[in-house]
N, C-alpha and C. Protein backbone atom coordinates (compact mmCIF):
# COMPACT_ATOMS: atom_id res chain seq x y z
N UNK A 1 14.89 -2.74 11.64
CA UNK A 1 14.06 -4.16 10.96
C UNK A 1 13.30 -3.83 10.48
N UNK A 2 13.28 -4.39 8.84
CA UNK A 2 12.83 -4.31 7.75
C UNK A 2 11.16 -5.28 7.47
N UNK A 3 10.65 -5.12 7.72
CA UNK A 3 9.76 -6.72 7.83
C UNK A 3 8.77 -6.49 6.66
N UNK A 4 8.62 -7.61 5.69
CA UNK A 4 7.38 -7.98 4.92
C UNK A 4 6.31 -8.69 5.13
N UNK A 5 5.39 -8.38 5.90
CA UNK A 5 4.21 -8.97 6.65
C UNK A 5 3.61 -10.29 6.18
N UNK A 6 3.80 -11.08 6.09
CA UNK A 6 3.63 -12.51 5.50
C UNK A 6 2.65 -13.40 5.60
N UNK A 7 1.32 -13.38 5.75
CA UNK A 7 -0.40 -13.56 5.79
C UNK A 7 -0.67 -14.56 4.52
N UNK A 8 0.18 -14.62 3.78
CA UNK A 8 -0.61 -15.90 2.83
C UNK A 8 -0.71 -15.25 1.07
N UNK A 9 -1.01 -14.42 1.87
CA UNK A 9 -1.96 -13.44 0.55
C UNK A 9 -1.77 -12.31 -0.71
N UNK A 10 -0.02 -12.28 -0.50
CA UNK A 10 0.64 -11.26 -1.26
C UNK A 10 2.44 -12.11 -2.18
N UNK A 11 2.04 -10.57 -3.43
CA UNK A 11 3.55 -10.96 -3.93
C UNK A 11 5.39 -10.90 -3.32
N UNK A 12 5.30 -11.93 -1.81
CA UNK A 12 5.93 -11.42 -0.84
C UNK A 12 7.64 -11.81 -1.62
N UNK A 13 7.76 -12.48 -2.42
CA UNK A 13 9.24 -12.64 -2.97
C UNK A 13 8.99 -10.90 -4.40
N UNK A 14 8.73 -11.13 -4.90
CA UNK A 14 8.32 -10.00 -6.01
C UNK A 14 8.87 -8.44 -5.55
N UNK A 15 7.40 -8.56 -3.90
CA UNK A 15 8.30 -6.94 -4.15
C UNK A 15 9.61 -7.00 -2.79
N UNK A 16 9.91 -8.34 -2.68
CA UNK A 16 11.55 -8.33 -1.50
C UNK A 16 12.18 -7.77 -2.75
N UNK A 17 12.19 -7.94 -3.41
CA UNK A 17 13.47 -7.59 -5.00
C UNK A 17 13.31 -6.65 -4.90
N UNK A 18 11.97 -6.12 -5.29
CA UNK A 18 11.49 -5.03 -5.86
C UNK A 18 12.88 -3.82 -4.98
N UNK A 19 11.65 -3.60 -3.71
CA UNK A 19 12.51 -3.06 -2.07
C UNK A 19 14.05 -3.60 -1.61
N UNK A 20 14.66 -4.66 -1.91
CA UNK A 20 16.25 -4.41 -2.26
C UNK A 20 17.04 -4.21 -3.67
N UNK A 21 16.07 -4.25 -4.26
CA UNK A 21 16.59 -3.23 -5.69
C UNK A 21 17.48 -1.47 -4.94
N UNK A 22 15.57 -1.10 -3.92
CA UNK A 22 15.92 0.13 -3.67
C UNK A 22 16.88 0.67 -2.25
N UNK A 23 16.96 -0.51 -2.19
CA UNK A 23 18.21 -0.55 -1.04
C UNK A 23 17.50 -0.47 0.79
N UNK A 24 16.40 -1.08 0.18
CA UNK A 24 15.68 -1.50 1.14
C UNK A 24 15.75 -2.62 1.88
N UNK A 25 16.90 -3.97 2.39
CA UNK A 25 16.72 -4.57 3.19
C UNK A 25 15.44 -5.43 4.00
N UNK A 26 15.15 -6.31 3.87
CA UNK A 26 13.59 -7.13 4.17
C UNK A 26 13.94 -8.49 4.91
N UNK A 27 13.07 -8.54 6.23
CA UNK A 27 13.02 -10.17 6.22
C UNK A 27 11.29 -10.28 5.53
N UNK A 28 10.81 -11.47 6.30
CA UNK A 28 9.97 -12.17 5.36
C UNK A 28 9.49 -12.63 7.05
N UNK A 29 8.31 -11.84 7.65
CA UNK A 29 7.79 -12.76 9.20
C UNK A 29 6.01 -12.40 8.91
N UNK A 30 5.38 -13.24 10.29
CA UNK A 30 4.09 -13.22 9.87
C UNK A 30 4.46 -13.58 12.14
N UNK A 31 5.19 -13.12 12.71
CA UNK A 31 5.83 -13.05 14.02
C UNK A 31 5.40 -11.52 14.11
N UNK A 32 3.82 -11.78 15.28
CA UNK A 32 3.99 -10.28 15.83
C UNK A 32 5.21 -9.52 16.41
N UNK A 33 5.08 -9.89 17.65
CA UNK A 33 6.09 -9.14 18.21
C UNK A 33 7.37 -8.95 17.49
N UNK A 34 8.04 -8.99 16.37
CA UNK A 34 9.15 -8.38 15.90
C UNK A 34 7.82 -7.38 15.01
N UNK A 35 6.89 -7.57 14.52
CA UNK A 35 6.56 -6.30 13.71
C UNK A 35 6.33 -5.69 14.22
N UNK A 36 5.43 -5.75 15.23
CA UNK A 36 5.40 -4.19 16.29
C UNK A 36 6.89 -3.61 16.57
N UNK A 37 7.78 -4.61 16.62
CA UNK A 37 9.12 -4.25 16.67
C UNK A 37 10.28 -3.33 15.87
N UNK A 38 9.41 -3.77 14.59
CA UNK A 38 10.38 -3.36 13.22
C UNK A 38 9.94 -1.52 12.46
N UNK A 39 10.79 -1.21 12.15
CA UNK A 39 11.41 0.02 12.02
C UNK A 39 10.25 0.75 10.65
N UNK A 40 10.13 -0.88 9.66
CA UNK A 40 9.47 -0.78 7.96
C UNK A 40 9.07 -1.85 8.37
N UNK A 41 6.69 -1.70 7.74
CA UNK A 41 6.68 -2.78 7.42
C UNK A 41 5.99 -2.47 6.04
N UNK A 42 6.07 -3.93 5.92
CA UNK A 42 5.54 -3.31 4.43
C UNK A 42 4.15 -4.70 4.41
N UNK A 43 2.51 -4.12 4.37
CA UNK A 43 1.43 -5.23 4.46
C UNK A 43 1.53 -5.05 2.66
N UNK A 44 2.09 -6.60 2.17
CA UNK A 44 1.40 -7.08 0.28
C UNK A 44 -0.25 -6.60 0.30
N UNK A 45 0.01 -7.61 -0.60
CA UNK A 45 -1.64 -8.69 -0.90
C UNK A 45 -1.97 -8.45 -2.68
N UNK A 46 -2.79 -10.02 -2.30
CA UNK A 46 -4.04 -9.91 -4.01
C UNK A 46 -5.20 -10.51 -3.60
N UNK A 47 -5.07 -10.85 -4.15
CA UNK A 47 -6.71 -11.40 -3.53
C UNK A 47 -8.58 -10.96 -3.57
N UNK A 48 -9.22 -11.05 -2.15
CA UNK A 48 -10.32 -10.86 -1.62
C UNK A 48 -9.50 -10.22 -0.37
N UNK A 49 -10.90 -9.13 -0.03
CA UNK A 49 -9.91 -8.15 1.30
C UNK A 49 -10.71 -9.17 2.41
N UNK A 50 -12.04 -10.04 2.24
CA UNK A 50 -12.07 -10.60 3.28
C UNK A 50 -11.64 -11.35 3.81
N UNK A 51 -10.49 -12.29 2.45
CA UNK A 51 -10.12 -13.25 2.77
C UNK A 51 -8.79 -12.95 3.15
N UNK A 52 -8.00 -11.54 3.17
CA UNK A 52 -7.44 -10.97 3.38
C UNK A 52 -7.23 -10.61 5.20
N UNK A 53 -8.73 -9.68 5.32
CA UNK A 53 -8.13 -9.13 6.24
C UNK A 53 -8.89 -10.50 7.85
N UNK A 54 -9.42 -11.80 7.11
CA UNK A 54 -9.29 -12.81 7.98
C UNK A 54 -8.27 -13.34 8.71
N UNK A 55 -7.93 -13.77 7.75
CA UNK A 55 -5.91 -13.70 7.61
C UNK A 55 -4.88 -13.29 8.31
N UNK A 56 -4.91 -11.31 8.26
CA UNK A 56 -4.41 -11.14 9.43
C UNK A 56 -4.96 -10.89 10.83
N UNK A 57 -6.28 -11.97 10.91
CA UNK A 57 -6.82 -11.36 12.21
C UNK A 57 -6.04 -13.20 13.03
N UNK A 58 -6.75 -13.82 12.27
CA UNK A 58 -6.32 -15.35 12.79
C UNK A 58 -4.78 -15.01 12.60
N UNK A 59 -4.10 -14.74 12.57
CA UNK A 59 -2.53 -14.86 13.42
C UNK A 59 -2.38 -13.55 14.03
N UNK A 60 -3.21 -12.84 14.30
CA UNK A 60 -3.03 -12.06 15.09
C UNK A 60 -1.94 -10.87 14.98
N UNK A 61 -1.92 -10.51 13.51
CA UNK A 61 -1.20 -9.00 12.89
C UNK A 61 -1.52 -8.25 13.16
N UNK A 62 -3.36 -8.03 12.51
CA UNK A 62 -3.78 -7.01 12.02
C UNK A 62 -3.96 -6.05 13.56
N UNK A 63 -3.55 -6.80 14.66
CA UNK A 63 -3.63 -5.79 16.17
C UNK A 63 -1.84 -5.29 16.18
N UNK A 64 -0.99 -5.43 15.35
CA UNK A 64 0.22 -5.68 15.73
C UNK A 64 1.34 -5.05 14.88
N UNK A 65 -0.29 -4.51 13.97
CA UNK A 65 0.21 -3.79 12.31
C UNK A 65 -0.74 -2.79 13.24
N UNK A 66 -1.55 -2.46 14.25
CA UNK A 66 -2.15 -1.53 14.68
C UNK A 66 -0.90 -0.62 15.33
N UNK A 67 -0.32 -1.86 16.49
CA UNK A 67 0.06 -0.72 17.44
C UNK A 67 1.20 0.04 16.84
N UNK A 68 2.55 -0.58 15.57
CA UNK A 68 3.38 -0.88 15.15
C UNK A 68 3.23 0.89 14.47
N UNK A 69 1.92 0.83 13.65
CA UNK A 69 1.46 2.31 13.53
C UNK A 69 0.96 3.55 13.78
N UNK A 70 1.16 2.71 15.12
CA UNK A 70 0.76 4.16 16.15
C UNK A 70 2.38 4.06 16.87
N UNK A 71 2.84 3.97 17.03
CA UNK A 71 4.81 3.67 17.55
C UNK A 71 5.25 4.22 16.28
N UNK A 72 3.93 5.13 15.44
CA UNK A 72 5.17 5.76 13.85
C UNK A 72 6.33 5.09 13.21
N UNK A 73 5.37 3.84 12.89
CA UNK A 73 7.59 3.71 12.12
C UNK A 73 6.49 3.67 10.96
N UNK A 74 7.68 3.10 9.99
CA UNK A 74 6.28 3.54 8.64
C UNK A 74 5.60 2.21 7.97
N UNK A 75 4.14 2.09 7.63
CA UNK A 75 3.99 1.18 7.49
C UNK A 75 2.97 1.74 5.88
N UNK A 76 3.88 0.76 4.88
CA UNK A 76 3.79 1.38 3.48
C UNK A 76 2.58 0.11 2.67
N UNK A 77 1.87 0.39 2.44
CA UNK A 77 0.22 -1.20 1.68
C UNK A 77 0.51 -0.92 0.26
N UNK A 78 0.21 -2.47 -0.24
CA UNK A 78 0.06 -2.21 -0.98
C UNK A 78 -1.29 -2.97 -2.47
N UNK A 79 -1.33 -2.45 -3.77
CA UNK A 79 -2.86 -2.57 -4.10
C UNK A 79 -3.44 -3.19 -2.65
N UNK A 80 -3.81 -4.54 -2.85
CA UNK A 80 -5.19 -5.26 -1.95
C UNK A 80 -4.01 -4.31 0.10
N UNK A 81 -2.76 -4.44 0.10
CA UNK A 81 -2.45 -3.70 0.90
C UNK A 81 -3.31 -2.86 1.47
N UNK A 82 -2.81 -1.75 0.37
CA UNK A 82 -3.55 0.05 0.92
C UNK A 82 -4.84 -0.56 1.54
N UNK A 83 -5.40 -0.97 0.87
CA UNK A 83 -7.40 -1.33 0.41
C UNK A 83 -7.35 -1.54 2.32
N UNK A 84 -6.47 -2.40 3.01
CA UNK A 84 -6.49 -3.23 3.81
C UNK A 84 -6.58 -2.28 5.08
N UNK A 85 -5.90 -1.05 4.43
CA UNK A 85 -5.08 0.11 5.82
C UNK A 85 -6.62 1.15 6.00
N UNK A 86 -7.09 1.09 5.14
CA UNK A 86 -9.09 1.72 5.41
C UNK A 86 -10.39 1.37 6.83
N UNK A 87 -11.64 2.15 6.99
CA UNK A 87 -12.22 1.77 8.19
C UNK A 87 -13.25 -0.11 7.35
N UNK A 88 -12.83 -0.85 6.05
CA UNK A 88 -14.28 -0.95 5.66
C UNK A 88 -13.97 -1.04 4.60
N UNK A 89 -14.68 -2.19 3.78
CA UNK A 89 -14.75 -2.51 2.54
C UNK A 89 -15.52 -2.88 1.78
N UNK A 90 -16.64 -2.87 1.32
CA UNK A 90 -17.20 -3.62 -0.01
C UNK A 90 -17.16 -4.88 -0.09
N UNK A 91 -16.49 -5.76 -0.79
CA UNK A 91 -15.88 -6.69 -1.51
C UNK A 91 -16.57 -7.47 -0.54
N UNK A 92 -17.93 -7.85 -2.37
CA UNK A 92 -18.98 -9.19 -1.14
C UNK A 92 -19.24 -9.43 -0.09
N UNK A 93 -19.69 -7.78 -0.10
CA UNK A 93 -20.34 -7.71 1.07
C UNK A 93 -19.61 -6.58 2.35
N UNK A 94 -20.17 -6.76 3.26
CA UNK A 94 -19.26 -5.74 4.44
C UNK A 94 -17.89 -5.96 5.64
N UNK A 95 -16.44 -5.65 5.63
CA UNK A 95 -15.40 -6.28 6.24
C UNK A 95 -15.47 -4.32 7.18
N UNK A 96 -14.32 -4.58 8.36
CA UNK A 96 -14.44 -4.35 8.57
C UNK A 96 -12.58 -4.10 8.38
N UNK A 97 -11.58 -2.91 8.24
CA UNK A 97 -10.29 -3.28 8.01
C UNK A 97 -9.41 -2.84 9.06
N UNK A 98 -8.93 -2.51 8.87
CA UNK A 98 -8.24 -1.47 9.80
C UNK A 98 -7.71 -0.74 10.75
N UNK A 99 -9.03 -0.07 9.29
CA UNK A 99 -9.50 2.12 10.02
C UNK A 99 -8.60 2.54 10.42
N UNK A 100 -6.88 2.16 9.81
CA UNK A 100 -5.80 2.99 9.82
C UNK A 100 -5.92 4.42 9.20
N UNK A 101 -6.47 4.76 8.14
CA UNK A 101 -6.73 5.61 7.29
C UNK A 101 -8.09 5.36 7.15
N UNK A 102 -9.66 6.89 7.13
CA UNK A 102 -10.99 7.14 6.76
C UNK A 102 -11.38 6.97 5.66
N UNK A 103 -12.24 6.44 5.18
CA UNK A 103 -12.64 5.62 3.92
C UNK A 103 -13.75 4.05 3.91
N UNK A 104 -13.57 3.65 2.59
CA UNK A 104 -14.46 2.85 2.54
C UNK A 104 -13.73 2.24 1.24
N UNK A 105 -13.69 0.97 1.20
CA UNK A 105 -13.13 0.24 -0.18
C UNK A 105 -14.31 0.47 -0.71
N UNK A 106 -14.63 0.30 -2.58
CA UNK A 106 -16.22 0.57 -2.78
C UNK A 106 -16.07 -0.47 -4.38
N UNK A 107 -16.99 -0.30 -5.16
CA UNK A 107 -16.70 -1.26 -7.19
C UNK A 107 -15.35 -0.06 -7.73
N UNK A 108 -15.33 -0.17 -8.44
CA UNK A 108 -15.55 1.05 -9.63
C UNK A 108 -16.47 0.98 -10.12
N UNK A 109 -16.38 1.91 -10.52
CA UNK A 109 -17.68 1.68 -11.68
C UNK A 109 -17.74 1.86 -13.05
N UNK A 110 -19.52 1.18 -14.09
CA UNK A 110 -18.97 -0.45 -15.21
C UNK A 110 -18.64 1.00 -16.07
N UNK A 111 -18.66 2.49 -16.04
CA UNK A 111 -18.62 3.10 -17.19
C UNK A 111 -17.84 2.81 -18.22
N UNK A 112 -16.02 1.80 -17.03
CA UNK A 112 -15.06 1.10 -18.22
C UNK A 112 -14.28 -0.22 -17.64
N UNK A 113 -14.52 -0.48 -18.45
CA UNK A 113 -13.66 -1.85 -18.05
C UNK A 113 -13.44 -2.93 -16.73
N UNK A 114 -14.58 -3.45 -15.77
CA UNK A 114 -14.11 -3.46 -14.66
C UNK A 114 -12.76 -5.63 -14.42
N UNK A 115 -11.49 -5.49 -14.22
CA UNK A 115 -11.16 -4.99 -13.33
C UNK A 115 -10.04 -3.69 -13.69
N UNK A 116 -9.96 -2.72 -13.64
CA UNK A 116 -8.96 -1.58 -14.02
C UNK A 116 -7.32 -2.07 -13.82
N UNK A 117 -7.55 -2.58 -15.62
CA UNK A 117 -6.05 -3.89 -15.33
C UNK A 117 -4.71 -3.11 -16.72
N UNK A 118 -4.00 -3.39 -15.76
CA UNK A 118 -2.88 -2.32 -16.93
C UNK A 118 -2.08 -0.99 -16.58
N UNK A 119 -1.06 -0.33 -17.72
CA UNK A 119 -0.41 1.16 -17.73
C UNK A 119 -1.62 1.64 -17.44
N UNK A 120 -2.03 2.79 -16.28
CA UNK A 120 -2.09 4.37 -16.03
C UNK A 120 -1.36 5.13 -15.54
N UNK A 121 -1.61 6.57 -15.80
CA UNK A 121 -0.36 7.49 -15.53
C UNK A 121 -0.73 8.06 -14.26
N UNK A 122 0.53 8.18 -14.22
CA UNK A 122 -0.30 9.02 -12.14
C UNK A 122 0.03 10.27 -12.33
N UNK A 123 -1.19 11.66 -11.82
CA UNK A 123 -1.86 12.99 -11.89
C UNK A 123 -1.20 13.05 -10.01
N UNK A 124 -0.38 13.66 -10.44
CA UNK A 124 0.46 13.79 -8.26
C UNK A 124 -1.12 14.76 -7.98
N UNK A 125 -1.56 15.07 -7.26
CA UNK A 125 -2.41 16.11 -6.26
C UNK A 125 -1.62 16.68 -5.19
N UNK A 126 -0.46 16.46 -4.07
CA UNK A 126 0.23 17.09 -3.38
C UNK A 126 1.50 16.69 -3.83
N UNK A 127 2.20 17.93 -3.00
CA UNK A 127 3.61 17.01 -3.90
C UNK A 127 3.91 16.55 -2.21
N UNK A 128 5.16 16.10 -2.05
CA UNK A 128 5.21 14.54 -1.65
C UNK A 128 7.24 14.09 -2.17
N UNK A 129 7.36 14.00 -0.91
CA UNK A 129 9.33 13.87 -0.98
C UNK A 129 8.82 12.26 -1.58
N UNK A 130 7.80 11.74 -2.17
CA UNK A 130 7.91 10.31 -2.89
C UNK A 130 8.13 10.51 -4.01
N UNK A 131 7.49 11.73 -4.41
CA UNK A 131 7.86 12.27 -5.79
C UNK A 131 9.25 12.91 -6.30
N UNK A 132 10.23 13.11 -5.53
CA UNK A 132 11.49 12.90 -5.64
C UNK A 132 12.38 13.48 -6.76
N UNK A 133 11.99 11.45 -8.17
CA UNK A 133 12.33 11.15 -9.06
C UNK A 133 11.20 10.66 -9.98
N UNK A 134 10.72 11.13 -9.52
CA UNK A 134 9.55 11.08 -10.77
C UNK A 134 8.77 12.13 -11.43
N UNK A 135 8.20 12.26 -12.51
CA UNK A 135 7.79 13.58 -12.90
C UNK A 135 6.07 13.08 -13.29
N UNK A 136 4.78 14.01 -12.91
CA UNK A 136 3.36 13.77 -13.92
C UNK A 136 3.61 13.35 -14.81
N UNK A 137 2.43 12.41 -15.06
CA UNK A 137 2.51 11.61 -15.67
C UNK A 137 2.73 10.13 -16.67
N UNK A 138 4.01 9.46 -15.62
CA UNK A 138 4.32 8.13 -15.50
C UNK A 138 3.15 7.54 -15.43
N UNK A 139 3.66 5.93 -15.95
CA UNK A 139 2.54 5.44 -15.68
C UNK A 139 3.73 3.96 -14.81
N UNK A 140 2.30 3.47 -14.08
CA UNK A 140 3.06 2.44 -13.28
C UNK A 140 1.78 1.22 -13.73
N UNK A 141 1.71 1.08 -13.67
CA UNK A 141 0.96 -0.66 -13.53
C UNK A 141 -0.24 -1.04 -12.35
N UNK A 142 -1.58 -1.03 -12.79
CA UNK A 142 -2.49 -1.45 -11.39
C UNK A 142 -2.87 -2.52 -12.26
N UNK A 143 -4.10 -4.17 -11.30
CA UNK A 143 -4.86 -4.59 -10.97
C UNK A 143 -5.70 -5.14 -10.14
N UNK A 144 -6.92 -4.07 -10.46
CA UNK A 144 -8.38 -3.29 -8.90
C UNK A 144 -9.19 -3.63 -9.51
N UNK A 145 -9.81 -3.99 -9.24
CA UNK A 145 -11.74 -3.97 -9.33
C UNK A 145 -12.32 -3.02 -8.43
N UNK A 146 -11.64 -2.51 -6.92
CA UNK A 146 -11.98 -2.10 -5.81
C UNK A 146 -11.38 -0.29 -5.76
N UNK A 147 -11.68 0.40 -5.52
CA UNK A 147 -10.67 1.18 -4.63
C UNK A 147 -11.07 2.28 -3.86
N UNK A 148 -10.40 3.33 -3.49
CA UNK A 148 -10.91 3.52 -2.29
C UNK A 148 -11.07 4.93 -1.94
N UNK A 149 -12.28 5.14 -1.38
CA UNK A 149 -13.32 6.55 -1.58
C UNK A 149 -13.70 6.73 0.00
N UNK A 150 -13.35 7.98 0.52
CA UNK A 150 -12.93 8.51 0.76
C UNK A 150 -12.44 10.76 0.47
N UNK A 151 -12.61 11.14 1.55
CA UNK A 151 -12.75 13.03 1.09
C UNK A 151 -11.34 12.97 1.01
N UNK A 152 -10.56 11.62 0.26
CA UNK A 152 -9.17 12.43 -0.43
C UNK A 152 -7.75 13.11 0.04
N UNK A 153 -7.98 12.94 2.00
CA UNK A 153 -7.62 14.16 2.57
C UNK A 153 -6.19 13.16 2.68
N UNK A 154 -6.33 11.40 2.64
CA UNK A 154 -4.57 10.68 2.43
C UNK A 154 -4.46 11.20 0.81
N UNK A 155 -5.15 11.67 -0.40
CA UNK A 155 -4.72 11.17 -1.15
C UNK A 155 -3.45 11.94 -1.82
N UNK A 156 -2.52 11.67 -2.70
CA UNK A 156 -1.85 12.50 -2.71
C UNK A 156 -1.56 12.35 -3.97
N UNK A 157 -1.69 11.43 -5.21
CA UNK A 157 -1.10 11.20 -6.34
C UNK A 157 -2.66 9.97 -6.42
N UNK A 158 -2.43 10.63 -7.76
CA UNK A 158 -4.37 9.81 -8.53
C UNK A 158 -4.31 9.42 -10.07
N UNK A 159 -5.12 8.07 -10.15
CA UNK A 159 -5.42 7.46 -12.38
C UNK A 159 -6.07 8.44 -12.76
N UNK A 160 -6.42 8.64 -14.03
CA UNK A 160 -8.42 8.51 -14.05
C UNK A 160 -8.43 7.23 -14.21
N UNK A 161 -9.70 6.62 -14.02
CA UNK A 161 -10.18 5.28 -15.37
C UNK A 161 -11.44 5.42 -14.90
N UNK A 162 -12.04 6.82 -15.45
CA UNK A 162 -13.26 6.97 -16.10
C UNK A 162 -13.78 7.96 -14.10
N UNK A 163 -12.95 7.73 -13.49
CA UNK A 163 -13.14 9.03 -12.41
C UNK A 163 -12.25 8.77 -11.08
N UNK A 164 -11.51 9.23 -10.59
CA UNK A 164 -10.25 9.49 -10.13
C UNK A 164 -9.90 8.42 -8.33
N UNK A 165 -9.49 7.73 -9.25
CA UNK A 165 -8.17 6.43 -8.28
C UNK A 165 -6.87 7.09 -7.86
N UNK A 166 -7.44 7.27 -6.48
CA UNK A 166 -6.07 7.24 -5.61
C UNK A 166 -5.23 6.70 -5.56
N UNK A 167 -4.00 6.39 -5.87
CA UNK A 167 -3.08 5.86 -7.06
C UNK A 167 -1.98 6.09 -6.11
N UNK A 168 -1.94 7.15 -4.82
CA UNK A 168 -0.59 7.55 -3.47
C UNK A 168 -1.64 7.64 -3.07
N UNK A 169 -1.29 7.06 -1.98
CA UNK A 169 -2.04 8.20 -0.91
C UNK A 169 -1.79 8.62 0.60
N UNK A 170 -1.57 8.47 1.61
CA UNK A 170 0.23 9.07 2.82
C UNK A 170 -0.54 9.77 4.16
N UNK A 171 0.00 9.33 4.89
CA UNK A 171 -1.45 9.56 5.97
C UNK A 171 0.06 9.78 7.34
N UNK A 172 0.80 10.66 7.23
CA UNK A 172 1.94 10.95 8.49
C UNK A 172 3.16 9.43 8.31
N UNK A 173 3.26 8.47 8.43
CA UNK A 173 3.79 7.07 8.47
C UNK A 173 2.80 6.04 8.05
N UNK A 174 2.07 6.23 6.98
CA UNK A 174 1.84 5.70 6.04
C UNK A 174 0.92 6.38 4.82
N UNK A 175 1.61 4.53 4.50
CA UNK A 175 2.19 5.00 2.78
C UNK A 175 0.81 4.04 1.58
N UNK A 176 0.55 4.40 1.25
CA UNK A 176 -0.29 2.96 0.28
C UNK A 176 -0.26 3.39 -1.19
N UNK A 177 -0.14 2.40 -1.85
CA UNK A 177 -0.03 2.02 -3.06
C UNK A 177 -0.50 1.03 -4.18
N UNK A 178 -1.29 1.57 -4.61
CA UNK A 178 -2.62 1.02 -4.90
C UNK A 178 -2.52 -0.03 -6.53
N UNK A 179 -1.61 0.56 -6.80
CA UNK A 179 -0.78 -0.07 -8.16
C UNK A 179 0.20 -0.90 -7.89
N UNK A 180 0.77 -1.09 -8.86
CA UNK A 180 1.73 -2.03 -8.25
C UNK A 180 3.41 -2.08 -7.80
N UNK A 181 4.11 -1.24 -7.03
CA UNK A 181 5.46 -0.01 -7.23
C UNK A 181 6.46 -1.53 -8.46
N UNK A 182 6.48 -3.05 -7.09
CA UNK A 182 7.52 -4.03 -8.01
C UNK A 182 7.22 -4.29 -9.52
N UNK A 183 6.11 -3.82 -9.99
CA UNK A 183 5.54 -4.54 -11.84
C UNK A 183 5.72 -3.05 -12.85
N UNK A 184 6.68 -1.81 -12.19
CA UNK A 184 6.16 -1.19 -13.02
C UNK A 184 6.98 -0.82 -13.11
N UNK A 185 8.03 -1.32 -13.59
CA UNK A 185 9.22 -0.76 -14.44
C UNK A 185 10.34 0.99 -13.20
N UNK A 186 10.58 1.17 -14.70
CA UNK A 186 11.61 2.70 -14.13
C UNK A 186 11.32 3.53 -12.94
N UNK A 187 9.63 3.74 -13.53
CA UNK A 187 8.75 4.40 -12.14
C UNK A 187 8.75 3.38 -11.13
N UNK A 188 8.57 2.27 -10.98
CA UNK A 188 7.92 2.08 -9.61
C UNK A 188 9.72 1.63 -8.87
N UNK A 189 10.79 1.33 -9.90
CA UNK A 189 11.87 2.14 -8.84
C UNK A 189 12.02 2.71 -8.19
N UNK A 190 11.47 4.05 -8.55
CA UNK A 190 12.21 5.45 -8.84
C UNK A 190 11.52 5.61 -7.08
N UNK A 191 9.72 5.22 -7.61
CA UNK A 191 9.78 6.17 -5.85
C UNK A 191 9.77 4.92 -4.81
N UNK A 192 10.16 3.96 -5.44
CA UNK A 192 11.52 2.68 -3.71
C UNK A 192 11.85 2.91 -3.82
N UNK A 193 12.85 3.95 -3.91
CA UNK A 193 13.98 4.82 -3.93
C UNK A 193 14.22 5.70 -2.88
N UNK A 194 13.19 6.20 -3.32
CA UNK A 194 13.34 7.70 -2.51
C UNK A 194 11.81 6.87 -1.51
N UNK A 195 11.26 5.90 -0.86
CA UNK A 195 10.87 5.55 0.08
C UNK A 195 11.87 5.30 0.74
N UNK A 196 13.00 4.24 0.53
CA UNK A 196 14.19 4.16 0.83
C UNK A 196 14.53 5.76 2.11
N UNK A 197 14.78 6.17 1.58
CA UNK A 197 14.82 7.54 1.49
C UNK A 197 14.33 8.15 2.72
N UNK A 198 13.01 8.10 2.81
CA UNK A 198 12.29 8.86 3.71
C UNK A 198 12.31 7.81 4.73
N UNK A 199 12.75 6.68 4.34
CA UNK A 199 13.03 5.32 5.68
C UNK A 199 14.41 6.10 6.52
N UNK A 200 14.89 6.38 5.71
CA UNK A 200 16.87 5.88 6.06
C UNK A 200 16.20 7.70 6.98
N UNK A 201 15.78 8.71 6.11
CA UNK A 201 16.07 10.12 7.52
C UNK A 201 15.11 10.26 8.07
N UNK A 202 13.14 9.59 7.81
CA UNK A 202 12.67 10.02 9.33
C UNK A 202 12.48 9.19 9.97
N UNK A 203 12.74 8.39 9.81
CA UNK A 203 12.23 6.87 10.68
C UNK A 203 13.53 5.99 11.39
N UNK A 204 13.15 6.17 13.29
CA UNK A 204 14.47 5.39 12.91
C UNK A 204 13.61 4.28 14.78
N UNK A 205 14.36 3.03 14.24
CA UNK A 205 13.96 1.50 15.07
C UNK A 205 15.04 0.24 15.15
N UNK A 206 14.24 -0.42 15.02
CA UNK A 206 15.55 -2.18 15.09
C UNK A 206 16.19 -1.79 13.77
């Protein structure tokens, strides 16, 4: 079972369409019990970190997502969904995240226009099966004002925007896209296709 987590702050329809196109059939759910038993979950997200983590907590989805990740299922976060995977965010205050990836979410520096919005190219930092169908320098679509600041142990691709922005992260069974693959044209399709192959080859579940 593959689930898109519905907590009220995500581009669920477009994400589901993109996953379906890549061969990953999903259902949409906010049921904690189902989420814990899934094979794959997608954590989407648009808006403010504070609102998102509060919504997850109110629905008791934060604990279900942590249990799911601890059980070895494939967890993927997109945009704000990726940022929620980290320890803390400093977006309009200080808020605890899911704590599945070490690091903080901090505001982009002002040397460049904020938000970082539009197309930017990917630079591969570490080899990974996710890059099976793409090449160095392909463009993807970003919309964000905050980014992940860490030791970069989890970073596998980045974008330059006055500083190095982690664009794709991976920590074992946890993957994050700072950009929107569902809005990133053929490159997004190819990344999700590779994601589907990783899911089918390496993960088991309901």
